[in-house]
Protein backbone atom coordinates (compact mmCIF):
# COMPACT_ATOMS: atom_id res chain seq x y z
CA MET A 1 -12.65 -17.51 -0.57
CA LYS A 2 -13.82 -13.86 -0.33
CA LEU A 3 -11.12 -11.45 1.20
CA LEU A 4 -11.63 -7.84 2.20
CA SER A 5 -8.56 -5.69 1.40
CA ILE A 6 -7.84 -2.23 2.92
CA ASP A 7 -5.15 0.34 2.01
CA SER A 8 -4.67 3.39 4.21
CA SER A 9 -1.11 4.13 3.68
CA THR A 10 -1.64 7.35 1.62
CA PRO A 11 -4.46 9.93 1.59
CA LEU A 12 -5.92 7.86 -1.41
CA LEU A 13 -7.81 5.37 0.72
CA SER A 14 -9.19 2.36 -0.94
CA VAL A 15 -11.12 -0.88 -0.11
CA ALA A 16 -11.66 -3.90 -2.30
CA LEU A 17 -13.50 -7.25 -1.98
CA LEU A 18 -12.04 -10.13 -3.80
CA ASP A 19 -13.09 -13.68 -4.70
CA LYS A 20 -9.96 -15.54 -5.55
CA GLN A 21 -8.18 -13.18 -8.09
CA HIS A 22 -11.45 -11.55 -9.15
CA ILE A 23 -12.32 -8.14 -7.74
CA LEU A 24 -16.00 -8.09 -6.89
CA SER A 25 -16.25 -4.56 -5.79
CA GLU A 26 -13.77 -1.72 -4.96
CA GLN A 27 -13.82 1.97 -4.04
CA ALA A 28 -11.23 4.73 -3.50
CA ARG A 29 -11.45 8.13 -2.01
CA ASP A 30 -9.07 10.94 -1.54
CA HIS A 31 -8.89 11.87 2.10
CA SER A 32 -7.07 14.84 3.66
CA PRO A 33 -7.27 15.40 7.44
CA PRO A 34 -8.82 16.86 9.51
CA ALA A 35 -11.93 15.64 7.83
CA HIS A 36 -13.59 12.47 9.11
CA ASN A 37 -11.82 9.33 7.90
CA PRO A 38 -14.06 7.59 5.38
CA LEU A 39 -12.51 4.14 5.58
CA LEU A 40 -15.38 2.41 7.44
CA SER A 41 -17.93 4.00 5.09
CA LEU A 42 -15.87 2.73 2.13
CA VAL A 43 -15.95 -0.80 3.55
CA ASP A 44 -19.79 -0.62 3.91
CA GLN A 45 -20.14 0.60 0.31
CA VAL A 46 -17.91 -2.11 -1.11
CA LEU A 47 -19.73 -4.77 0.75
CA SER A 48 -23.14 -3.35 -0.22
CA ASP A 49 -22.16 -2.96 -3.94
CA ALA A 50 -21.20 -6.68 -3.94
CA GLY A 51 -24.22 -7.82 -1.96
CA ILE A 52 -21.90 -9.66 0.51
CA PRO A 53 -22.36 -9.20 4.30
CA LEU A 54 -19.19 -9.04 6.47
CA LYS A 55 -19.95 -12.44 8.03
CA GLU A 56 -19.40 -13.96 4.64
CA VAL A 57 -15.96 -12.54 4.30
CA SER A 58 -13.25 -15.29 4.80
CA GLY A 59 -10.41 -12.99 5.90
CA TYR A 60 -8.67 -9.66 5.69
CA ILE A 61 -5.70 -8.10 3.83
CA PHE A 62 -4.27 -4.75 4.62
CA THR A 63 -1.27 -2.63 3.72
CA ASN A 64 1.10 -2.58 6.69
CA GLY A 65 3.31 0.18 5.62
CA PRO A 66 5.25 2.10 4.98
CA GLY A 67 3.20 5.24 4.54
CA SER A 68 1.19 7.78 6.52
CA PHE A 69 1.60 6.95 10.23
CA THR A 70 -1.93 8.10 11.10
CA GLY A 71 -3.41 6.41 8.09
CA LEU A 72 -1.75 3.08 8.85
CA ARG A 73 -2.83 3.14 12.50
CA VAL A 74 -6.45 3.86 11.41
CA GLY A 75 -6.44 0.93 8.95
CA LEU A 76 -4.81 -1.41 11.53
CA SER A 77 -7.48 -0.44 14.19
CA LEU A 78 -10.26 -1.21 11.79
CA ILE A 79 -8.80 -4.57 10.68
CA LYS A 80 -8.26 -5.56 14.36
CA GLY A 81 -11.96 -4.75 15.06
CA PHE A 82 -12.99 -6.89 12.19
CA VAL A 83 -10.78 -9.82 13.25
CA LEU A 84 -12.13 -9.68 16.82
CA ALA A 85 -15.71 -9.44 15.72
CA THR A 86 -15.64 -12.14 13.04
CA GLU A 87 -12.67 -14.42 14.20
CA LYS A 88 -11.34 -14.41 10.62
CA PRO A 89 -7.52 -14.42 9.75
CA VAL A 90 -5.59 -11.47 8.48
CA LEU A 91 -2.47 -10.87 6.35
CA GLY A 92 -0.38 -7.67 5.90
CA VAL A 93 1.13 -6.62 2.64
CA SER A 94 3.82 -4.04 1.77
CA SER A 95 2.22 -0.79 0.49
CA LEU A 96 5.21 -0.23 -1.72
CA LYS A 97 4.72 -3.67 -3.32
CA ALA A 98 0.98 -2.99 -3.81
CA TRP A 99 1.73 0.25 -5.64
CA ALA A 100 4.47 -1.53 -7.74
CA SER A 101 1.91 -4.05 -8.88
CA LEU A 102 -0.01 -1.29 -10.64
CA SER A 103 2.75 -0.66 -13.08
CA GLY A 104 2.40 -1.30 -16.85
CA ASN A 105 2.64 -4.76 -18.16
CA ASN A 106 5.79 -4.07 -20.20
CA SER A 107 7.85 -2.92 -17.30
CA GLU A 108 10.98 -4.94 -16.32
CA ARG A 109 11.97 -2.75 -13.28
CA VAL A 110 9.55 -0.72 -11.19
CA CYS A 111 10.46 1.88 -8.59
CA SER A 112 7.76 2.47 -5.97
CA LEU A 113 7.82 5.71 -4.09
CA LEU A 114 5.54 7.11 -1.48
CA ASP A 115 5.85 10.56 0.03
CA ALA A 116 7.55 10.32 3.48
CA ARG A 117 7.58 14.15 3.98
CA LYS A 118 10.62 16.06 5.32
CA GLY A 119 12.02 15.93 1.74
CA GLU A 120 12.19 12.14 1.66
CA VAL A 121 10.46 9.23 0.12
CA TYR A 122 9.65 5.63 1.00
CA TYR A 123 11.52 3.64 -1.67
CA ALA A 124 11.54 0.12 -3.12
CA LEU A 125 12.88 -1.20 -6.39
CA PHE A 126 11.34 -4.43 -7.90
CA GLN A 127 12.07 -6.69 -10.85
CA LYS A 128 8.88 -7.50 -12.60
CA SER A 129 8.12 -10.68 -14.59
CA GLY A 130 4.44 -10.97 -15.51
CA ASP A 131 2.58 -10.61 -12.22
CA ASP A 132 5.65 -11.52 -10.12
CA LEU A 133 7.51 -8.78 -8.21
CA THR A 134 11.04 -9.58 -6.83
CA PRO A 135 12.56 -7.04 -4.51
CA LEU A 136 15.84 -5.71 -5.56
CA GLY A 137 17.22 -4.67 -2.08
CA ASP A 138 15.52 -3.39 1.06
CA GLU A 139 12.74 -0.95 1.41
CA GLU A 140 14.13 2.40 2.56
CA VAL A 141 13.65 6.01 3.44
CA LEU A 142 15.61 8.17 1.01
CA SER A 143 16.03 11.59 -0.27
CA PRO A 144 15.20 12.13 -4.09
CA THR A 145 19.02 12.59 -4.61
CA GLU A 146 19.76 9.25 -2.99
CA VAL A 147 17.06 7.55 -5.24
CA LEU A 148 19.07 8.86 -8.31
CA ASN A 149 22.01 6.71 -7.24
CA ARG A 150 19.75 3.55 -7.29
CA ILE A 151 18.63 3.97 -10.89
CA ASP A 152 21.17 2.83 -13.49
CA GLN A 153 18.68 1.87 -16.23
CA PRO A 154 15.19 2.84 -17.48
CA VAL A 155 12.70 2.16 -14.67
CA GLU A 156 8.95 2.66 -14.45
CA PHE A 157 8.15 4.93 -11.47
CA VAL A 158 4.86 4.46 -9.55
CA GLY A 159 3.28 6.02 -6.48
CA PRO A 160 2.57 9.55 -5.01
CA GLY A 161 6.25 10.01 -4.18
CA SER A 162 7.21 9.92 -7.93
CA ASP A 163 4.38 12.36 -8.66
CA ARG A 164 5.70 14.86 -6.05
CA TYR A 165 9.24 14.78 -7.47
CA LYS A 166 8.48 14.15 -11.09
CA ASP A 167 10.25 17.28 -12.43
CA PHE A 168 13.29 16.59 -10.37
CA PHE A 169 13.55 12.97 -11.57
CA THR A 170 12.78 13.95 -15.22
CA GLU A 171 15.58 16.53 -15.12
CA HIS A 172 18.27 14.21 -13.63
CA LEU A 173 17.33 10.73 -14.89
CA LYS A 174 16.23 11.69 -18.41
CA ASN A 175 14.97 8.60 -20.26
CA ARG A 176 15.68 6.38 -17.21
CA PHE A 177 12.63 7.96 -15.67
CA GLN A 178 9.47 6.40 -17.07
CA LYS A 179 6.30 7.49 -15.27
CA SER A 180 3.39 5.08 -14.89
CA ALA A 181 -0.13 6.25 -15.64
CA PRO A 182 -2.20 6.91 -12.48
CA PRO A 183 -3.96 3.59 -11.36
CA GLY A 184 -7.55 3.14 -12.34
CA SER A 185 -8.47 -0.36 -11.56
CA PRO A 186 -7.57 -2.12 -9.57
CA THR A 187 -7.19 0.18 -6.64
CA VAL A 188 -4.16 -0.10 -4.35
CA ALA A 189 -6.41 -2.16 -2.02
CA GLY A 190 -7.34 -4.44 -4.97
CA ALA A 191 -3.65 -4.76 -5.86
CA ALA A 192 -2.72 -5.58 -2.22
CA GLY A 193 -5.50 -8.14 -2.23
CA LYS A 194 -4.23 -9.91 -5.27
CA ILE A 195 -0.70 -10.11 -3.77
CA GLY A 196 -2.02 -11.39 -0.40
CA LEU A 197 -4.24 -14.00 -2.05
CA LYS A 198 -1.26 -15.86 -3.45
CA ASN A 199 -0.15 -17.02 0.03
CA PHE A 200 -3.06 -16.05 2.28
CA GLU A 201 -3.88 -19.66 3.55
CA LYS A 202 -0.11 -20.20 4.36
CA ASN A 203 0.81 -16.94 5.98
CA SER A 204 -2.37 -15.34 7.40
CA SER A 205 -2.87 -15.28 11.23
CA PHE A 206 -5.48 -14.95 13.92
CA ASN A 207 -2.91 -13.48 16.23
CA LEU A 208 -3.39 -9.77 16.64
CA ASN A 209 -0.08 -9.45 18.45
CA GLN A 210 1.62 -10.35 15.11
CA LEU A 211 -0.02 -7.40 13.29
CA ASN A 212 2.82 -4.97 13.17
CA LEU A 213 3.11 -1.73 11.03
CA ARG A 214 6.37 -1.15 9.03
CA TYR A 215 7.11 2.53 9.53
CA LEU A 216 10.79 2.42 8.27
CA ARG A 217 11.43 5.38 10.58
CA LYS A 218 10.14 6.34 13.97
CA PRO A 219 6.98 8.38 14.33
CA GLU A 220 7.51 12.08 14.97
CA ALA A 221 5.73 11.81 18.37
CA GLU A 222 8.16 9.19 19.57
CA ILE A 223 11.16 11.22 18.45
CA ASN A 224 9.88 14.33 20.23
CA PHE A 225 9.09 12.39 23.32
CA LYS A 226 12.61 10.83 23.57
CA GLY A 227 14.11 14.17 22.98
CA ASN A 228 12.49 15.80 26.02
CA PRO A 229 14.29 15.73 29.33
């Protein structure tokens, strides 16, 4: 079963093609607006590198948040187009869990952080056993100071949110802050694909109305609209 996986939750966009747990091809590209979003060209490149046409893909996996509101919507729109065109099923995966799966093999606890702007991060803490990740609480939007209160033992930090506040965490957490090396292979899309593969046949869907994004907080445009008389 060949699955196409897409991550657009951060400016580091990535696409991967998987056959079971084996990554056939993957690509990542740093994207900063207002430049043209290269997600579709990444898909074309990944499929071309693997020599697999889109019609031979069995289904799709995408990160459904949290993360960049614009990036997530672009990824969802692309996935919806593929589902409509090919009539293949799709499954959403947490972007925080995908990042957490890129942590080192010796980690017992992993803190996944994505930059939420406004001085906040998207946060999730996981217990790791081999390739299995068990959430330790809910995914949340927190300030870096609030993250400190969640860390009571050495934890491996992953994700761009931990990069942005690395000096702050190093100062206050000391040896409890263990920074993961930047991911090389697999990409975040590849990691999301491997997570989704485990229960794709059971949980995937053809229903586009079930494809929801997990923002964790309301988009700025919605907040501003409701604040106007």
